[in-house]
Amino acid sequence: MSPTIRKCFLVVTSLMLAGCISPKSFLDPSFPKVAYEDLNKTSEPLRIKLVVEFQRNGQPYPKADTTLRDNAERILRASGVIVPAADAGQGEVKIVVNNIADLGSASAKGFGTGLTFGLVGSTVTDAYELSIFITFNGKTISRTAVKHAIHTAIGNTSAPPNLEAVPVNVAFERVLEQMLLRALQDMQQSGELSWLGLPDAPDLVGDYRWLTITSTRTSASYACVRR
């Protein structure tokens, strides 16, 4: 790192620590919103083991697994649909979240904002895709490519009117919540979650081993499988 760049980096860091350049994040408003009240809570939620994997641009990023696990467990318990258990004796729910980010562009925008001491603002977008696989009673249902996004305004710029700006960690919690609730709601509306909990339920796909459907309503694709 050259002396000039090093000096600029130290200035930017000092400004951010002093609150002069504070990132403000907001959720992409183009995606549908789902509330916990939109789900049908059951008297006997599925008690299954929770497995998570956080990815960045498709590659495992273990440093974020703990954050993903803690928030996923909180959301699932609050949903009233699934209660994470200590072991996989009754089944498993696997949640994979992929953060699709243009790291080069984000660094360039952040550095440019720093050079202007925050007078010129910029906005960085982090796209997210969630995949969830629920296995119970020897059957598996899934949703993949459930999408959402976080926009982060840095420097002299702000969130659009009527959109709440929150810290980055809060924005991630809310994006994860929305993706999970949308996936669970879609599974309930299709009847798959009810089918999953019945030990002797007939195969919903008839004479076929598998069925894959693309849902434009939830921006997700999903499959229903009986093993």
C-alpha atoms as a PDB file:
ATOM      1  CA  MET A   1       0.000   0.000   0.000  1.00  0.00           C
ATOM      2  CA  SER A   2       1.463   3.372  -1.008  1.00  0.00           C
ATOM      3  CA  PRO A   3       1.938   6.111   1.619  1.00  0.00           C
ATOM      4  CA  THR A   4      -0.798   8.240  -0.014  1.00  0.00           C
ATOM      5  CA  ILE A   5      -3.366   5.437  -0.030  1.00  0.00           C
ATOM      6  CA  ARG A   6      -2.395   4.436   3.504  1.00  0.00           C
ATOM      7  CA  LYS A   7      -2.923   8.019   4.683  1.00  0.00           C
ATOM      8  CA  CYS A   8      -6.329   8.206   2.964  1.00  0.00           C
ATOM      9  CA  PHE A   9      -7.343   4.866   4.469  1.00  0.00           C
ATOM     10  CA  LEU A  10      -6.467   6.096   7.958  1.00  0.00           C
ATOM     11  CA  VAL A  11      -8.456   9.287   7.404  1.00  0.00           C
ATOM     12  CA  VAL A  12     -11.500   7.329   6.201  1.00  0.00           C
ATOM     13  CA  THR A  13     -11.286   4.939   9.155  1.00  0.00           C
ATOM     14  CA  SER A  14     -11.015   7.833  11.601  1.00  0.00           C
ATOM     15  CA  LEU A  15     -14.030   9.559  10.037  1.00  0.00           C
ATOM     16  CA  MET A  16     -16.131   6.399  10.244  1.00  0.00           C
ATOM     17  CA  LEU A  17     -15.141   5.824  13.867  1.00  0.00           C
ATOM     18  CA  ALA A  18     -16.036   9.432  14.641  1.00  0.00           C
ATOM     19  CA  GLY A  19     -19.420   9.032  12.999  1.00  0.00           C
ATOM     20  CA  CYS A  20     -18.681  11.393  10.104  1.00  0.00           C
ATOM     21  CA  ILE A  21     -19.200   8.627   7.558  1.00  0.00           C
ATOM     22  CA  SER A  22     -21.745   6.161   8.894  1.00  0.00           C
ATOM     23  CA  PRO A  23     -23.282   3.561   6.588  1.00  0.00           C
ATOM     24  CA  LYS A  24     -27.075   3.409   6.597  1.00  0.00           C
ATOM     25  CA  SER A  25     -28.765   0.283   5.267  1.00  0.00           C
ATOM     26  CA  PHE A  26     -32.301  -0.299   4.049  1.00  0.00           C
ATOM     27  CA  LEU A  27     -34.165  -3.260   2.590  1.00  0.00           C
ATOM     28  CA  ASP A  28     -35.042  -3.432  -1.078  1.00  0.00           C
ATOM     29  CA  PRO A  29     -38.728  -2.379  -1.197  1.00  0.00           C
ATOM     30  CA  SER A  30     -39.476  -4.313  -4.402  1.00  0.00           C
ATOM     31  CA  PHE A  31     -39.767  -7.655  -2.593  1.00  0.00           C
ATOM     32  CA  PRO A  32     -43.052  -8.757  -0.961  1.00  0.00           C
ATOM     33  CA  LYS A  33     -43.372  -8.465   2.803  1.00  0.00           C
ATOM     34  CA  VAL A  34     -44.520 -11.323   5.020  1.00  0.00           C
ATOM     35  CA  ALA A  35     -45.388 -11.074   8.719  1.00  0.00           C
ATOM     36  CA  TYR A  36     -45.357 -13.815  11.351  1.00  0.00           C
ATOM     37  CA  GLU A  37     -49.129 -13.428  11.504  1.00  0.00           C
ATOM     38  CA  ASP A  38     -49.333 -14.567   7.876  1.00  0.00           C
ATOM     39  CA  LEU A  39     -48.193 -18.060   8.894  1.00  0.00           C
ATOM     40  CA  ASN A  40     -50.441 -20.716  10.383  1.00  0.00           C
ATOM     41  CA  LYS A  41     -48.890 -21.712  13.696  1.00  0.00           C
ATOM     42  CA  THR A  42     -49.387 -25.377  14.524  1.00  0.00           C
ATOM     43  CA  SER A  43     -49.995 -27.038  17.881  1.00  0.00           C
ATOM     44  CA  GLU A  44     -47.201 -29.499  17.087  1.00  0.00           C
ATOM     45  CA  PRO A  45     -44.412 -27.748  15.151  1.00  0.00           C
ATOM     46  CA  LEU A  46     -41.729 -29.862  13.530  1.00  0.00           C
ATOM     47  CA  ARG A  47     -38.876 -30.494  15.990  1.00  0.00           C
ATOM     48  CA  ILE A  48     -35.822 -30.987  13.797  1.00  0.00           C
ATOM     49  CA  LYS A  49     -32.120 -30.190  13.757  1.00  0.00           C
ATOM     50  CA  LEU A  50     -31.003 -26.876  12.284  1.00  0.00           C
ATOM     51  CA  VAL A  51     -28.018 -26.837   9.904  1.00  0.00           C
ATOM     52  CA  VAL A  52     -26.800 -23.583   8.335  1.00  0.00           C
ATOM     53  CA  GLU A  53     -24.225 -22.454   5.806  1.00  0.00           C
ATOM     54  CA  PHE A  54     -23.390 -18.877   4.903  1.00  0.00           C
ATOM     55  CA  GLN A  55     -21.822 -18.265   1.517  1.00  0.00           C
ATOM     56  CA  ARG A  56     -20.277 -15.271  -0.187  1.00  0.00           C
ATOM     57  CA  ASN A  57     -20.549 -15.423  -3.952  1.00  0.00           C
ATOM     58  CA  GLY A  58     -21.215 -19.147  -3.754  1.00  0.00           C
ATOM     59  CA  GLN A  59     -18.218 -19.967  -1.558  1.00  0.00           C
ATOM     60  CA  PRO A  60     -18.531 -21.003   2.116  1.00  0.00           C
ATOM     61  CA  TYR A  61     -17.890 -18.150   4.538  1.00  0.00           C
ATOM     62  CA  PRO A  62     -17.779 -19.836   7.983  1.00  0.00           C
ATOM     63  CA  LYS A  63     -17.189 -16.576   9.871  1.00  0.00           C
ATOM     64  CA  ALA A  64     -20.849 -15.671   9.355  1.00  0.00           C
ATOM     65  CA  ASP A  65     -22.303 -19.096  10.218  1.00  0.00           C
ATOM     66  CA  THR A  66     -22.860 -18.254  13.889  1.00  0.00           C
ATOM     67  CA  THR A  67     -24.767 -15.070  13.053  1.00  0.00           C
ATOM     68  CA  LEU A  68     -26.857 -16.959  10.518  1.00  0.00           C
ATOM     69  CA  ARG A  69     -27.576 -19.792  12.958  1.00  0.00           C
ATOM     70  CA  ASP A  70     -28.585 -17.509  15.846  1.00  0.00           C
ATOM     71  CA  ASN A  71     -30.968 -15.483  13.702  1.00  0.00           C
ATOM     72  CA  ALA A  72     -32.395 -18.476  11.838  1.00  0.00           C
ATOM     73  CA  GLU A  73     -33.160 -20.238  15.130  1.00  0.00           C
ATOM     74  CA  ARG A  74     -34.898 -17.139  16.485  1.00  0.00           C
ATOM     75  CA  ILE A  75     -37.011 -16.745  13.348  1.00  0.00           C
ATOM     76  CA  LEU A  76     -37.980 -20.417  13.147  1.00  0.00           C
ATOM     77  CA  ARG A  77     -39.062 -20.527  16.795  1.00  0.00           C
ATOM     78  CA  ALA A  78     -41.123 -17.363  16.378  1.00  0.00           C
ATOM     79  CA  SER A  79     -42.766 -18.776  13.248  1.00  0.00           C
ATOM     80  CA  GLY A  80     -44.486 -21.531  15.207  1.00  0.00           C
ATOM     81  CA  VAL A  81     -43.812 -23.920  12.330  1.00  0.00           C
ATOM     82  CA  ILE A  82     -40.405 -25.379  13.211  1.00  0.00           C
ATOM     83  CA  VAL A  83     -38.618 -25.711  16.554  1.00  0.00           C
ATOM     84  CA  PRO A  84     -34.864 -26.374  16.192  1.00  0.00           C
ATOM     85  CA  ALA A  85     -33.834 -29.496  18.129  1.00  0.00           C
ATOM     86  CA  ALA A  86     -30.473 -30.701  19.425  1.00  0.00           C
ATOM     87  CA  ASP A  87     -30.239 -33.734  17.137  1.00  0.00           C
ATOM     88  CA  ALA A  88     -31.483 -34.946  13.780  1.00  0.00           C
ATOM     89  CA  GLY A  89     -33.474 -37.868  15.206  1.00  0.00           C
ATOM     90  CA  GLN A  90     -36.739 -36.625  13.691  1.00  0.00           C
ATOM     91  CA  GLY A  91     -35.360 -34.728  10.741  1.00  0.00           C
ATOM     92  CA  GLU A  92     -33.361 -31.734   9.617  1.00  0.00           C
ATOM     93  CA  VAL A  93     -33.818 -28.240   8.268  1.00  0.00           C
ATOM     94  CA  LYS A  94     -30.868 -26.895   6.295  1.00  0.00           C
ATOM     95  CA  ILE A  95     -30.644 -23.190   5.493  1.00  0.00           C
ATOM     96  CA  VAL A  96     -28.095 -21.849   3.021  1.00  0.00           C
ATOM     97  CA  VAL A  97     -27.735 -18.083   2.514  1.00  0.00           C
ATOM     98  CA  ASN A  98     -25.587 -16.793  -0.332  1.00  0.00           C
ATOM     99  CA  ASN A  99     -24.452 -13.158  -0.256  1.00  0.00           C
ATOM    100  CA  ILE A 100     -23.911 -12.103  -3.861  1.00  0.00           C
ATOM    101  CA  ALA A 101     -21.665  -9.063  -3.698  1.00  0.00           C
ATOM    102  CA  ASP A 102     -19.454  -7.143  -6.105  1.00  0.00           C
ATOM    103  CA  LEU A 103     -16.554  -6.678  -3.691  1.00  0.00           C
ATOM    104  CA  GLY A 104     -14.444  -4.684  -6.142  1.00  0.00           C
ATOM    105  CA  SER A 105     -17.205  -2.173  -6.823  1.00  0.00           C
ATOM    106  CA  ALA A 106     -18.028  -1.876  -3.127  1.00  0.00           C
ATOM    107  CA  SER A 107     -14.395  -1.166  -2.248  1.00  0.00           C
ATOM    108  CA  ALA A 108     -14.095   1.436  -5.001  1.00  0.00           C
ATOM    109  CA  LYS A 109     -17.273   3.241  -3.941  1.00  0.00           C
ATOM    110  CA  GLY A 110     -16.273   3.206  -0.276  1.00  0.00           C
ATOM    111  CA  PHE A 111     -12.782   4.476  -1.073  1.00  0.00           C
ATOM    112  CA  GLY A 112     -14.169   7.247  -3.311  1.00  0.00           C
ATOM    113  CA  THR A 113     -16.545   8.353  -0.572  1.00  0.00           C
ATOM    114  CA  GLY A 114     -13.648   8.400   1.877  1.00  0.00           C
ATOM    115  CA  LEU A 115     -11.485  10.567  -0.370  1.00  0.00           C
ATOM    116  CA  THR A 116     -14.241  13.201  -0.423  1.00  0.00           C
ATOM    117  CA  PHE A 117     -14.655  12.973   3.382  1.00  0.00           C
ATOM    118  CA  GLY A 118     -18.235  11.795   2.895  1.00  0.00           C
ATOM    119  CA  LEU A 119     -19.281  14.841   0.846  1.00  0.00           C
ATOM    120  CA  VAL A 120     -19.973  12.584  -2.137  1.00  0.00           C
ATOM    121  CA  GLY A 121     -22.214   9.696  -1.198  1.00  0.00           C
ATOM    122  CA  SER A 122     -22.552   6.257  -2.744  1.00  0.00           C
ATOM    123  CA  THR A 123     -24.864   3.260  -2.449  1.00  0.00           C
ATOM    124  CA  VAL A 124     -23.713  -0.362  -2.377  1.00  0.00           C
ATOM    125  CA  THR A 125     -26.083  -3.287  -2.957  1.00  0.00           C
ATOM    126  CA  ASP A 126     -25.774  -6.749  -1.433  1.00  0.00           C
ATOM    127  CA  ALA A 127     -28.037  -9.362  -3.024  1.00  0.00           C
ATOM    128  CA  TYR A 128     -29.042 -12.432  -1.021  1.00  0.00           C
ATOM    129  CA  GLU A 129     -30.415 -15.819  -1.996  1.00  0.00           C
ATOM    130  CA  LEU A 130     -31.792 -18.324   0.487  1.00  0.00           C
ATOM    131  CA  SER A 131     -32.253 -22.056   0.033  1.00  0.00           C
ATOM    132  CA  ILE A 132     -34.079 -24.191   2.600  1.00  0.00           C
ATOM    133  CA  PHE A 133     -34.346 -27.980   2.707  1.00  0.00           C
ATOM    134  CA  ILE A 134     -36.645 -29.678   5.229  1.00  0.00           C
ATOM    135  CA  THR A 135     -36.371 -33.445   5.720  1.00  0.00           C
ATOM    136  CA  PHE A 136     -38.902 -35.276   7.907  1.00  0.00           C
ATOM    137  CA  ASN A 137     -40.410 -38.766   7.900  1.00  0.00           C
ATOM    138  CA  GLY A 138     -38.106 -39.727   5.042  1.00  0.00           C
ATOM    139  CA  LYS A 139     -39.470 -36.963   2.821  1.00  0.00           C
ATOM    140  CA  THR A 140     -37.824 -33.726   1.707  1.00  0.00           C
ATOM    141  CA  ILE A 141     -39.282 -30.440   0.539  1.00  0.00           C
ATOM    142  CA  SER A 142     -37.300 -27.390  -0.482  1.00  0.00           C
ATOM    143  CA  ARG A 143     -37.250 -23.836  -1.735  1.00  0.00           C
ATOM    144  CA  THR A 144     -34.245 -22.394  -3.537  1.00  0.00           C
ATOM    145  CA  ALA A 145     -33.234 -18.983  -4.862  1.00  0.00           C
ATOM    146  CA  VAL A 146     -35.509 -17.037  -2.502  1.00  0.00           C
ATOM    147  CA  LYS A 147     -34.203 -13.532  -3.147  1.00  0.00           C
ATOM    148  CA  HIS A 148     -33.817 -10.247  -1.299  1.00  0.00           C
ATOM    149  CA  ALA A 149     -31.331  -7.368  -1.160  1.00  0.00           C
ATOM    150  CA  ILE A 150     -29.813  -4.772   1.151  1.00  0.00           C
ATOM    151  CA  HIS A 151     -28.815  -1.312  -0.056  1.00  0.00           C
ATOM    152  CA  THR A 152     -26.262   0.578   2.025  1.00  0.00           C
ATOM    153  CA  ALA A 153     -25.867   4.329   1.686  1.00  0.00           C
ATOM    154  CA  ILE A 154     -22.430   5.697   2.584  1.00  0.00           C
ATOM    155  CA  GLY A 155     -21.487   9.344   3.008  1.00  0.00           C
ATOM    156  CA  ASN A 156     -23.672  12.223   1.841  1.00  0.00           C
ATOM    157  CA  THR A 157     -26.636  10.167   0.703  1.00  0.00           C
ATOM    158  CA  SER A 158     -29.654   8.684   2.400  1.00  0.00           C
ATOM    159  CA  ALA A 159     -32.340   6.062   2.113  1.00  0.00           C
ATOM    160  CA  PRO A 160     -35.319   6.829  -0.133  1.00  0.00           C
ATOM    161  CA  PRO A 161     -38.338   8.485   1.529  1.00  0.00           C
ATOM    162  CA  ASN A 162     -40.579   6.205   3.607  1.00  0.00           C
ATOM    163  CA  LEU A 163     -37.839   3.572   3.974  1.00  0.00           C
ATOM    164  CA  GLU A 164     -36.310   2.981   7.394  1.00  0.00           C
ATOM    165  CA  ALA A 165     -32.517   3.192   7.572  1.00  0.00           C
ATOM    166  CA  VAL A 166     -30.983   0.747  10.051  1.00  0.00           C
ATOM    167  CA  PRO A 167     -27.512  -0.584  10.968  1.00  0.00           C
ATOM    168  CA  VAL A 168     -26.133  -3.220   8.601  1.00  0.00           C
ATOM    169  CA  ASN A 169     -26.545  -6.080  11.105  1.00  0.00           C
ATOM    170  CA  VAL A 170     -30.213  -5.202  11.659  1.00  0.00           C
ATOM    171  CA  ALA A 171     -30.784  -5.058   7.895  1.00  0.00           C
ATOM    172  CA  PHE A 172     -29.377  -8.581   7.531  1.00  0.00           C
ATOM    173  CA  GLU A 173     -31.617  -9.881  10.327  1.00  0.00           C
ATOM    174  CA  ARG A 174     -34.670  -8.443   8.587  1.00  0.00           C
ATOM    175  CA  VAL A 175     -33.701  -9.715   5.139  1.00  0.00           C
ATOM    176  CA  LEU A 176     -33.155 -13.221   6.525  1.00  0.00           C
ATOM    177  CA  GLU A 177     -36.485 -13.010   8.332  1.00  0.00           C
ATOM    178  CA  GLN A 178     -38.318 -12.029   5.155  1.00  0.00           C
ATOM    179  CA  MET A 179     -36.730 -14.752   3.022  1.00  0.00           C
ATOM    180  CA  LEU A 180     -37.444 -17.460   5.611  1.00  0.00           C
ATOM    181  CA  LEU A 181     -41.031 -16.359   6.227  1.00  0.00           C
ATOM    182  CA  ARG A 182     -41.745 -16.218   2.494  1.00  0.00           C
ATOM    183  CA  ALA A 183     -40.381 -19.740   2.019  1.00  0.00           C
ATOM    184  CA  LEU A 184     -42.370 -21.145   4.960  1.00  0.00           C
ATOM    185  CA  GLN A 185     -45.541 -19.380   3.862  1.00  0.00           C
ATOM    186  CA  ASP A 186     -45.209 -20.806   0.363  1.00  0.00           C
ATOM    187  CA  MET A 187     -44.685 -24.309   1.765  1.00  0.00           C
ATOM    188  CA  GLN A 188     -47.811 -23.936   3.888  1.00  0.00           C
ATOM    189  CA  GLN A 189     -49.940 -22.615   1.042  1.00  0.00           C
ATOM    190  CA  SER A 190     -48.876 -25.488  -1.218  1.00  0.00           C
ATOM    191  CA  GLY A 191     -49.810 -28.024   1.484  1.00  0.00           C
ATOM    192  CA  GLU A 192     -46.307 -29.496   1.547  1.00  0.00           C
ATOM    193  CA  LEU A 193     -45.635 -28.827   5.225  1.00  0.00           C
ATOM    194  CA  SER A 194     -48.802 -30.687   6.195  1.00  0.00           C
ATOM    195  CA  TRP A 195     -47.872 -33.562   3.882  1.00  0.00           C
ATOM    196  CA  LEU A 196     -44.385 -33.667   5.375  1.00  0.00           C
ATOM    197  CA  GLY A 197     -45.702 -34.238   8.898  1.00  0.00           C
ATOM    198  CA  LEU A 198     -47.922 -37.205   7.991  1.00  0.00           C
ATOM    199  CA  PRO A 199     -46.076 -40.541   8.291  1.00  0.00           C
ATOM    200  CA  ASP A 200     -48.374 -42.411   5.899  1.00  0.00           C
ATOM    201  CA  ALA A 201     -49.296 -39.588   3.534  1.00  0.00           C
ATOM    202  CA  PRO A 202     -49.620 -40.503  -0.140  1.00  0.00           C
ATOM    203  CA  ASP A 203     -47.010 -39.351  -2.594  1.00  0.00           C
ATOM    204  CA  LEU A 204     -48.179 -35.958  -3.846  1.00  0.00           C
ATOM    205  CA  VAL A 205     -46.391 -36.403  -7.161  1.00  0.00           C
ATOM    206  CA  GLY A 206     -48.386 -39.502  -8.124  1.00  0.00           C
ATOM    207  CA  ASP A 207     -46.425 -41.878 -10.299  1.00  0.00           C
ATOM    208  CA  TYR A 208     -43.439 -39.533 -10.553  1.00  0.00           C
ATOM    209  CA  ARG A 209     -40.405 -39.580  -8.275  1.00  0.00           C
ATOM    210  CA  TRP A 210     -40.037 -35.835  -8.215  1.00  0.00           C
ATOM    211  CA  LEU A 211     -41.714 -32.585  -9.112  1.00  0.00           C
ATOM    212  CA  THR A 212     -40.109 -29.191  -9.623  1.00  0.00           C
ATOM    213  CA  ILE A 213     -42.145 -26.009  -9.896  1.00  0.00           C
ATOM    214  CA  THR A 214     -41.067 -22.413 -10.441  1.00  0.00           C
ATOM    215  CA  SER A 215     -43.005 -19.872  -8.413  1.00  0.00           C
ATOM    216  CA  THR A 216     -43.114 -16.348  -9.836  1.00  0.00           C
ATOM    217  CA  ARG A 217     -44.999 -15.206  -6.734  1.00  0.00           C
ATOM    218  CA  THR A 218     -42.070 -15.857  -4.426  1.00  0.00           C
ATOM    219  CA  SER A 219     -39.158 -15.588  -6.868  1.00  0.00           C
ATOM    220  CA  ALA A 220     -38.174 -19.108  -5.878  1.00  0.00           C
ATOM    221  CA  SER A 221     -38.044 -22.585  -7.265  1.00  0.00           C
ATOM    222  CA  TYR A 222     -38.934 -25.600  -5.211  1.00  0.00           C
ATOM    223  CA  ALA A 223     -39.182 -29.362  -5.228  1.00  0.00           C
ATOM    224  CA  CYS A 224     -41.161 -32.016  -3.430  1.00  0.00           C
ATOM    225  CA  VAL A 225     -39.462 -35.375  -2.984  1.00  0.00           C
ATOM    226  CA  ARG A 226     -40.422 -38.646  -1.324  1.00  0.00           C
ATOM    227  CA  ARG A 227     -37.566 -41.034  -0.618  1.00  0.00           C
END
